[in-house]
Amino acid sequence: MAQKLNRIVFTLREGEEYIPLIALLKATGVVYSGSEAQEVVTAGMVLRNGEVELRKRAKITAGEVIVFQNFEIEVEG
C-alpha cells in the first residue's frame, strides 16, 4: 500500500517568479539545513513533477510539485 504523503502548499512571495529548489526544501522545513538540501538533491532523492531533479538551484515556479520522502510540496504563485 502506498504511503500517504504530507501535503505542503508553498506560496511564492509577491513579485517572485521562482524559488531555487534547495531554498524551497529548507523553507518548507523538510530538511534541516541548506547542506542537507544539497545532499538530498544530488543523491537523486527529490522529484520535480514526477521526474528526478538533480539541479540544486533549479528554478521552481508556481504550479510545480516537489516530492521528497513523505512530503509533497505544491508551489503556488
Protein backbone atom coordinates (compact mmCIF):
# COMPACT_ATOMS: atom_id res chain seq x y z
CA MET A 1 0.00 0.00 0.00
CA ALA A 2 1.34 3.42 -0.93
CA GLN A 3 2.41 5.71 1.88
CA LYS A 4 0.28 8.83 2.33
CA LEU A 5 2.20 12.00 1.50
CA ASN A 6 2.13 15.02 3.79
CA ARG A 7 0.95 17.86 1.56
CA ILE A 8 2.56 21.26 1.93
CA VAL A 9 1.40 24.29 -0.03
CA PHE A 10 4.16 26.88 -0.53
CA THR A 11 3.25 30.32 -1.84
CA LEU A 12 5.88 32.33 -3.68
CA ARG A 13 6.46 35.83 -2.33
CA GLU A 14 4.75 38.63 -4.19
CA GLY A 15 6.86 39.66 -7.16
CA GLU A 16 8.91 36.43 -7.19
CA GLU A 17 8.61 34.14 -10.19
CA TYR A 18 10.51 31.16 -8.73
CA ILE A 19 12.38 29.76 -5.74
CA PRO A 20 15.59 27.70 -6.02
CA LEU A 21 14.96 24.04 -5.18
CA ILE A 22 17.28 23.87 -2.17
CA ALA A 23 15.76 27.07 -0.75
CA LEU A 24 12.27 25.55 -1.14
CA LEU A 25 13.26 22.40 0.73
CA LYS A 26 14.70 24.48 3.55
CA ALA A 27 11.81 27.00 3.65
CA THR A 28 9.22 24.24 3.98
CA GLY A 29 11.16 22.52 6.76
CA VAL A 30 11.52 19.14 5.06
CA VAL A 31 15.30 19.37 5.58
CA TYR A 32 17.21 20.92 8.47
CA SER A 33 19.84 22.85 6.53
CA GLY A 34 20.96 24.05 3.16
CA SER A 35 23.74 21.47 3.10
CA GLU A 36 21.24 18.67 3.76
CA ALA A 37 19.07 20.05 0.95
CA GLN A 38 22.04 19.95 -1.43
CA GLU A 39 22.87 16.37 -0.39
CA VAL A 40 19.35 15.00 -0.97
CA VAL A 41 19.08 16.71 -4.37
CA THR A 42 22.46 15.44 -5.62
CA ALA A 43 21.59 11.96 -4.31
CA GLY A 44 18.54 11.91 -6.61
CA MET A 45 16.04 11.81 -3.74
CA VAL A 46 13.87 14.72 -4.96
CA LEU A 47 11.19 14.52 -7.65
CA ARG A 48 10.04 17.54 -9.64
CA ASN A 49 6.73 16.94 -11.39
CA GLY A 50 7.38 13.18 -11.20
CA GLU A 51 10.95 13.31 -12.56
CA VAL A 52 14.22 13.15 -10.60
CA GLU A 53 15.69 16.67 -10.29
CA LEU A 54 19.47 16.82 -9.78
CA ARG A 55 19.97 20.60 -10.13
CA LYS A 56 20.24 22.16 -6.68
CA ARG A 57 19.34 25.62 -7.91
CA ALA A 58 16.56 24.54 -10.28
CA LYS A 59 14.02 27.35 -10.57
CA ILE A 60 10.78 26.04 -9.10
CA THR A 61 7.76 28.02 -10.33
CA ALA A 62 4.06 28.16 -9.47
CA GLY A 63 2.18 25.01 -10.43
CA GLU A 64 5.08 22.64 -9.86
CA VAL A 65 5.02 19.75 -7.41
CA ILE A 66 8.10 18.60 -5.50
CA VAL A 67 8.19 15.24 -3.71
CA PHE A 68 10.82 14.37 -1.10
CA GLN A 69 10.44 11.37 1.22
CA ASN A 70 6.87 11.55 2.53
CA PHE A 71 6.35 15.22 1.65
CA GLU A 72 4.59 16.63 -1.40
CA ILE A 73 5.19 20.36 -1.85
CA GLU A 74 2.82 22.22 -4.16
CA VAL A 75 4.10 25.63 -5.23
CA GLU A 76 1.60 28.43 -5.75
CA GLY A 77 2.05 31.87 -7.24
